[in-house]
Structures are given as structure tokens and as C-alpha cells.
Amino acid sequence: MAEPMATPEYRCGHVAIVGRPNVGKSTLLNRLVGEKVSITSKKAQTTRHRVTGILTAAEAQFVFVDTPGFQTLHRSRLNERMNRTVTQSLADVDAVVLVIEAGRTVPADRAVMALLPPRAGVVVALNKVDALPQKDTLLTQMAELAAIRDFAAIVPVSAEKGSAVDALLAEVAKMLPASPPLFGADDITDRDERFLAAELVREKIFRLLGEEVPYATAVVVDAFKLEGDLRRIQATVYVERENQRAILLGAGGAKMKQIAASARVDMERLFGGKVFLEVWVRVKKGWADSEASLRRLGY
């Protein structure tokens, strides 16, 4: 892509994507950027880090910030840090996209709205509209939302299908300040490949295991070597108990092999080259409540 023209009319700014857990924030970010820069899962509260996705268009550059869903489950020092990430992100952006599930506004959505700075420009994305059986409920929901706050716009979208995403972008662009682009035209994230590799392993753990074990895991990339187009990656998955390690490994290590193989396929697609991936599982008791462990693990 050619570099965007830094004209006086060009717009660029930071946009926070916020919402309660499991409303499709990460799916929306990936749809907007066109690549997987944030992990997704049907399980709630998957995202732990502030992840930036960059979209460069002819008239504007959008620097999206995908925040963790405000944490209400699995209380720990880790989740306290994640909640701080949400509130800190809101203080540093030019616009906000509030993601709410189409057809219903629940108390957890209202709790997120209460966190929004009073003067922030906010566009509501009513997501998963493709799965809504009765579309007439949208009008009622939109009227209820309009009575709560003076939103810049309310746009029904489907992050999964990509419908009405252009309309959402058009509304967000109106709120961005006049500014030259902050990133190159081909940049899609400010996160490095090492971080993305760890997140892809963590995504597969969430997708391929049961309810509790994924929340007790942390993934650290111990080595990342680039040899031409080949990337040699060594990673460790930390868990809190021996029985969790056994579940992650599976019989004869089969489950961990499945997780690593699935992650490697996504890495090769994202990085554009072959990946040799080795993953170990180790027990580190109480890591989610240890300040020292959280720092070492990158939280």
C-alpha cells in the first residue's frame, strides 16, 4: 500500500474498543484491520493485554486499541491489572467504540458505560446483528441507548460477517483530529511477532480446553529466532497446579501437540513464513496473584 498523503485534511487518532466480556471486541478489531492481531474465543474474558490494531485508509488512519473486557470473574491481581488497563486506555484516546450485543443491553453494559469519560466521543457498535432473530428489537434498544447518553452514532454491525463495518468507520472518522499518520501504511499492529506468537498459543488453549484451565494459564516465548523465512519459536505455558498441567498435556502429550499445531498454522499465515514451534508446560503456583510473577510474565 502506498503511504498516505499527510494533507491538512488527513485525520489520525487512537480509538478504544470497549465493552463487557464476550461481545466481540477482538473479532471486530481483527475485521477492521484485516488480520488476526487480537485473539478470539467463545469464552468470556479472553483478552488480557492492550492490543493495538492499525487501519490506514486514504483519508484517515485509525489506531484501534482492543481492551480487555471489564473483569467480573476469576478475581486476582491479574484481573485488577486488566481493569486498570481498560480505564487507562479510555483516558488516552480520541474516540471510543462501545460494543454491545444487538438486541439486549444488560447491566454489565451499563457498568461499562459508567466508566466512559463524560466528554468522550462514543460510537455504539451493536454487534452480532446477523444472529438477531427479530430485527425490530433493534429500534427499541437504540431508543433505550439514546436516552442514556448522547452517543455520536449507533450502528448495527456484524463483526463476524463484516456487515456495516464501513458505516462504523465513517462515524468514527468524524471524531478523529486532523493529523498526519502515526504509522506506515502497511503496519497492522504495534505489537511484535514475539507477543503475537504467545497470544496465538493462548488462543488455542482457550479454544481447545474446558472452562477453568485456560484462565489459569500464561504463555511466555522463551526464544524467537529468525533464520531467513523460518522462525524458530520456543514457548512455555505456565499453570498453577499439577492437575492443570496434566489436562494441558493430555494423554501422551496429544492435547498440547494439537494446541501447538493449530497455533503454528496461524503463525505461518500471519508471519508469512514457516514456523518451527516447541511448547513446554510448567507449574508455577499462584502466578496470577504474585506481583513478581506478573511482572516477569509481562502483565
Protein backbone atom coordinates (compact mmCIF):
# COMPACT_ATOMS: atom_id res chain seq x y z
CA MET A 1 0.00 0.00 0.00
CA ALA A 2 1.24 3.50 -0.85
CA GLU A 3 2.00 5.77 2.06
CA PRO A 4 -1.00 8.01 2.91
CA MET A 5 -0.76 11.67 2.00
CA ALA A 6 -0.22 13.86 5.07
CA THR A 7 -2.57 16.62 3.88
CA PRO A 8 -4.20 19.24 6.14
CA GLU A 9 -7.45 17.28 5.75
CA TYR A 10 -5.94 13.93 6.78
CA ARG A 11 -7.16 12.51 10.09
CA CYS A 12 -5.45 10.17 12.53
CA GLY A 13 -6.19 9.17 16.08
CA HIS A 14 -6.49 6.49 18.76
CA VAL A 15 -9.78 4.66 19.15
CA ALA A 16 -10.59 2.45 22.15
CA ILE A 17 -12.78 -0.59 21.58
CA VAL A 18 -14.56 -1.30 24.87
CA GLY A 19 -17.41 -3.42 26.15
CA ARG A 20 -18.30 -6.18 28.57
CA PRO A 21 -16.61 -9.56 28.03
CA ASN A 22 -17.57 -11.73 25.06
CA VAL A 23 -19.41 -9.15 22.95
CA GLY A 24 -16.96 -9.48 20.04
CA LYS A 25 -14.42 -6.69 20.61
CA SER A 26 -11.45 -8.70 19.38
CA THR A 27 -13.39 -10.09 16.42
CA LEU A 28 -14.32 -6.52 15.46
CA LEU A 29 -10.71 -5.35 15.74
CA ASN A 30 -9.50 -8.19 13.52
CA ARG A 31 -12.24 -7.44 10.99
CA LEU A 32 -11.32 -3.75 10.88
CA VAL A 33 -7.59 -4.40 10.49
CA GLY A 34 -7.99 -7.36 8.14
CA GLU A 35 -5.61 -9.62 10.09
CA LYS A 36 -5.66 -11.50 13.39
CA VAL A 37 -3.93 -9.14 15.82
CA SER A 38 -6.13 -9.97 18.82
CA ILE A 39 -7.10 -13.45 19.95
CA THR A 40 -10.71 -14.58 19.97
CA SER A 41 -12.69 -17.27 21.78
CA LYS A 42 -16.29 -18.04 22.64
CA LYS A 43 -15.21 -18.00 26.29
CA ALA A 44 -15.55 -14.67 28.07
CA GLN A 45 -12.61 -12.55 29.25
CA THR A 46 -10.00 -13.88 26.81
CA THR A 47 -8.09 -10.65 26.08
CA ARG A 48 -5.61 -9.70 28.82
CA HIS A 49 -3.43 -7.04 27.19
CA ARG A 50 -3.99 -3.74 25.50
CA VAL A 51 -3.63 -4.68 21.83
CA THR A 52 -3.29 -2.10 19.05
CA GLY A 53 -4.57 -2.67 15.53
CA ILE A 54 -3.84 -0.16 12.75
CA LEU A 55 -6.03 0.55 9.73
CA THR A 56 -4.76 3.00 7.12
CA ALA A 57 -7.26 4.42 4.63
CA ALA A 58 -6.98 7.16 2.01
CA GLU A 59 -8.48 9.82 4.27
CA ALA A 60 -7.65 8.60 7.77
CA GLN A 61 -5.52 6.29 9.89
CA PHE A 62 -7.29 4.51 12.75
CA VAL A 63 -5.17 3.29 15.66
CA PHE A 64 -7.55 0.91 17.42
CA VAL A 65 -6.96 -0.22 20.99
CA ASP A 66 -8.62 -3.52 21.91
CA THR A 67 -9.00 -3.57 25.67
CA PRO A 68 -9.79 -6.48 27.99
CA GLY A 69 -13.45 -6.83 28.88
CA PHE A 70 -14.04 -5.39 32.34
CA GLN A 71 -13.30 -8.35 34.60
CA THR A 72 -16.02 -9.64 36.91
CA LEU A 73 -14.92 -13.30 37.14
CA HIS A 74 -11.79 -15.01 38.48
CA ARG A 75 -10.75 -12.23 40.87
CA SER A 76 -6.97 -11.87 41.21
CA ARG A 77 -4.20 -9.30 40.97
CA LEU A 78 -4.02 -10.17 37.27
CA ASN A 79 -7.63 -9.12 36.75
CA GLU A 80 -7.14 -5.95 38.81
CA ARG A 81 -4.36 -5.02 36.38
CA MET A 82 -6.61 -5.80 33.43
CA ASN A 83 -9.33 -3.49 34.77
CA ARG A 84 -6.76 -0.71 35.17
CA THR A 85 -5.79 -1.25 31.53
CA VAL A 86 -9.39 -0.54 30.49
CA THR A 87 -9.68 2.72 32.43
CA GLN A 88 -6.19 3.93 31.43
CA SER A 89 -6.91 3.25 27.77
CA LEU A 90 -10.03 5.40 27.90
CA ALA A 91 -8.03 8.37 29.15
CA ASP A 92 -5.67 8.40 26.17
CA VAL A 93 -7.91 8.10 23.10
CA ASP A 94 -9.64 10.43 20.65
CA ALA A 95 -12.76 8.29 20.22
CA VAL A 96 -14.44 5.24 21.71
CA VAL A 97 -16.29 2.35 20.07
CA LEU A 98 -18.61 0.79 22.65
CA VAL A 99 -19.51 -2.76 21.61
CA ILE A 100 -22.88 -4.08 22.82
CA GLU A 101 -24.65 -7.24 21.74
CA ALA A 102 -27.51 -6.43 19.37
CA GLY A 103 -30.96 -6.98 20.86
CA ARG A 104 -30.14 -6.65 24.55
CA THR A 105 -28.49 -4.13 26.84
CA VAL A 106 -27.64 -5.78 30.16
CA PRO A 107 -26.46 -4.32 33.49
CA ALA A 108 -22.83 -5.18 32.63
CA ASP A 109 -23.12 -2.95 29.53
CA ARG A 110 -24.37 -0.09 31.69
CA ALA A 111 -21.44 -0.65 34.06
CA VAL A 112 -19.03 -0.16 31.15
CA MET A 113 -20.90 2.99 30.05
CA ALA A 114 -20.40 4.40 33.55
CA LEU A 115 -16.62 4.12 33.03
CA LEU A 116 -16.64 6.24 29.88
CA PRO A 117 -15.32 9.79 30.30
CA PRO A 118 -18.28 12.22 30.14
CA ARG A 119 -16.83 14.22 27.25
CA ALA A 120 -15.57 11.30 25.18
CA GLY A 121 -16.98 10.88 21.69
CA VAL A 122 -18.58 7.43 21.64
CA VAL A 123 -19.97 5.38 18.75
CA VAL A 124 -22.01 2.32 19.73
CA ALA A 125 -21.49 -0.83 17.65
CA LEU A 126 -24.50 -3.12 18.11
CA ASN A 127 -22.69 -6.32 17.26
CA LYS A 128 -23.91 -9.78 16.21
CA VAL A 129 -26.88 -8.30 14.35
CA ASP A 130 -26.68 -11.26 11.95
CA ALA A 131 -27.65 -13.59 14.82
CA LEU A 132 -30.63 -11.48 15.93
CA PRO A 133 -33.88 -13.34 15.10
CA GLN A 134 -36.17 -10.30 15.42
CA LYS A 135 -34.61 -7.20 13.91
CA ASP A 136 -37.39 -4.91 15.19
CA THR A 137 -35.90 -5.22 18.69
CA LEU A 138 -33.02 -3.06 17.43
CA LEU A 139 -35.20 0.04 17.28
CA THR A 140 -36.24 -0.40 20.91
CA GLN A 141 -32.65 -0.98 22.00
CA MET A 142 -31.39 2.03 20.06
CA ALA A 143 -34.03 4.26 21.66
CA GLU A 144 -33.08 3.00 25.13
CA LEU A 145 -29.40 3.69 24.49
CA ALA A 146 -30.08 7.18 23.11
CA ALA A 147 -31.87 8.01 26.37
CA ILE A 148 -28.81 7.03 28.43
CA ARG A 149 -26.20 9.18 26.67
CA ASP A 150 -25.74 11.45 23.68
CA PHE A 151 -23.81 8.97 21.55
CA ALA A 152 -22.20 10.22 18.34
CA ALA A 153 -23.86 7.34 16.46
CA ILE A 154 -25.39 3.89 17.00
CA VAL A 155 -24.51 1.45 14.23
CA PRO A 156 -25.78 -2.17 14.00
CA VAL A 157 -22.91 -4.34 12.70
CA SER A 158 -21.72 -7.91 12.34
CA ALA A 159 -18.02 -8.24 13.12
CA GLU A 160 -18.21 -11.91 12.14
CA LYS A 161 -19.74 -11.24 8.71
CA GLY A 162 -18.27 -7.77 8.14
CA SER A 163 -21.62 -6.08 7.53
CA ALA A 164 -21.89 -2.31 8.11
CA VAL A 165 -18.25 -2.05 9.20
CA ASP A 166 -17.66 0.71 6.64
CA ALA A 167 -20.54 2.71 8.13
CA LEU A 168 -19.00 2.30 11.58
CA LEU A 169 -15.62 3.53 10.32
CA ALA A 170 -17.22 6.56 8.69
CA GLU A 171 -18.76 7.61 12.00
CA VAL A 172 -15.50 7.08 13.91
CA ALA A 173 -13.50 9.05 11.32
CA LYS A 174 -15.60 12.15 12.04
CA MET A 175 -14.23 12.22 15.59
CA LEU A 176 -10.53 11.89 14.74
CA PRO A 177 -8.36 15.01 14.84
CA ALA A 178 -6.59 16.39 11.78
CA SER A 179 -3.16 14.78 11.96
CA PRO A 180 -0.55 13.09 9.77
CA PRO A 181 -0.42 9.28 10.07
CA LEU A 182 1.46 7.87 13.04
CA PHE A 183 2.37 4.55 11.40
CA GLY A 184 3.37 3.23 8.00
CA ALA A 185 0.68 2.25 5.51
CA ASP A 186 1.47 -1.48 5.84
CA ASP A 187 1.62 -1.59 9.65
CA ILE A 188 -1.23 -3.55 11.25
CA THR A 189 -0.13 -3.51 14.91
CA ASP A 190 2.49 -2.05 17.21
CA ARG A 191 2.95 -5.44 18.89
CA ASP A 192 5.96 -7.52 17.82
CA GLU A 193 5.88 -11.08 16.48
CA ARG A 194 7.06 -12.49 19.80
CA PHE A 195 3.96 -11.12 21.55
CA LEU A 196 1.66 -12.29 18.75
CA ALA A 197 3.13 -15.80 18.89
CA ALA A 198 2.42 -16.08 22.63
CA GLU A 199 -1.13 -14.83 22.14
CA LEU A 200 -1.84 -17.34 19.38
CA VAL A 201 -0.76 -20.21 21.64
CA ARG A 202 -3.01 -18.82 24.39
CA GLU A 203 -5.93 -18.54 21.97
CA LYS A 204 -5.71 -22.23 21.08
CA ILE A 205 -5.67 -23.15 24.77
CA PHE A 206 -8.94 -21.24 25.22
CA ARG A 207 -10.47 -22.82 22.15
CA LEU A 208 -9.42 -26.42 22.75
CA LEU A 209 -9.76 -26.85 26.52
CA GLY A 210 -12.57 -26.71 29.09
CA GLU A 211 -13.84 -23.82 31.15
CA GLU A 212 -11.38 -23.39 34.00
CA VAL A 213 -7.88 -24.38 32.87
CA PRO A 214 -7.39 -21.62 30.24
CA TYR A 215 -7.87 -18.89 32.84
CA ALA A 216 -5.05 -20.38 34.93
CA THR A 217 -2.52 -20.26 32.08
CA ALA A 218 0.11 -17.78 30.97
CA VAL A 219 2.26 -18.13 27.86
CA VAL A 220 5.84 -16.86 27.60
CA VAL A 221 8.00 -17.01 24.47
CA ASP A 222 11.46 -18.01 25.70
CA ALA A 223 13.24 -17.89 22.32
CA PHE A 224 12.37 -16.40 18.94
CA LYS A 225 14.95 -16.80 16.19
CA LEU A 226 14.53 -15.73 12.56
CA GLU A 227 16.51 -17.79 10.02
CA GLY A 228 15.60 -16.44 6.59
CA ASP A 229 11.86 -17.06 6.28
CA LEU A 230 11.90 -19.67 9.08
CA ARG A 231 11.00 -18.70 12.62
CA ARG A 232 12.15 -20.97 15.46
CA ILE A 233 9.96 -20.34 18.48
CA GLN A 234 10.20 -21.87 21.94
CA ALA A 235 7.39 -21.13 24.40
CA THR A 236 6.36 -22.12 27.91
CA VAL A 237 2.81 -22.40 29.18
CA TYR A 238 2.62 -21.78 32.93
CA VAL A 239 -0.21 -23.23 35.03
CA GLU A 240 -0.92 -23.10 38.75
CA ARG A 241 -1.38 -26.81 39.59
CA GLU A 242 -0.11 -30.23 38.52
CA ASN A 243 -3.59 -31.43 37.51
CA GLN A 244 -3.88 -28.46 35.15
CA ARG A 245 -0.57 -29.45 33.57
CA ALA A 246 -1.87 -32.97 33.05
CA ILE A 247 -5.02 -31.63 31.35
CA LEU A 248 -2.98 -29.35 29.09
CA LEU A 249 -0.65 -32.15 28.03
CA GLY A 250 -3.37 -34.75 27.50
CA ALA A 251 -2.73 -38.45 27.06
CA GLY A 252 0.80 -38.88 25.73
CA GLY A 253 1.03 -35.11 25.18
CA ALA A 254 -1.64 -35.28 22.46
CA LYS A 255 -3.62 -32.22 23.57
CA MET A 256 -0.55 -29.99 23.72
CA LYS A 257 0.54 -31.22 20.30
CA GLN A 258 -2.90 -30.25 18.94
CA ILE A 259 -2.68 -26.80 20.54
CA ALA A 260 0.84 -26.19 19.18
CA ALA A 261 -0.02 -27.43 15.68
CA SER A 262 -3.09 -25.18 15.47
CA ALA A 263 -1.11 -22.17 16.74
CA ARG A 264 1.70 -22.85 14.26
CA VAL A 265 -0.72 -22.76 11.30
CA ASP A 266 -1.99 -19.31 12.34
CA MET A 267 1.56 -18.05 12.94
CA GLU A 268 2.67 -19.11 9.47
CA ARG A 269 -0.31 -17.32 7.93
CA LEU A 270 0.26 -14.13 9.94
CA PHE A 271 4.07 -14.04 9.67
CA GLY A 272 4.24 -15.18 6.04
CA GLY A 273 6.81 -17.93 6.54
CA LYS A 274 7.49 -21.35 8.04
CA VAL A 275 7.42 -21.74 11.83
CA PHE A 276 9.11 -24.39 13.99
CA LEU A 277 7.29 -24.27 17.33
CA GLU A 278 8.18 -26.04 20.58
CA VAL A 279 5.94 -25.66 23.65
CA TRP A 280 6.54 -26.82 27.23
CA VAL A 281 4.12 -26.81 30.18
CA ARG A 282 5.39 -25.92 33.66
CA VAL A 283 3.74 -25.39 37.05
CA LYS A 284 4.14 -22.02 38.78
CA LYS A 285 1.86 -21.91 41.80
CA GLY A 286 -0.03 -18.69 42.44
CA TRP A 287 1.37 -16.79 39.43
CA ALA A 288 -1.86 -14.80 38.89
CA ASP A 289 -1.69 -13.33 42.43
CA SER A 290 2.07 -12.70 42.53
CA GLU A 291 3.29 -9.21 41.62
CA ALA A 292 6.76 -10.55 40.83
CA SER A 293 5.39 -13.31 38.59
CA LEU A 294 3.03 -10.93 36.79
CA ARG A 295 5.92 -8.58 36.02
CA ARG A 296 8.09 -11.42 34.74
CA LEU A 297 5.27 -12.81 32.64
CA GLY A 298 4.65 -9.43 31.02
CA TYR A 299 1.43 -8.30 32.75
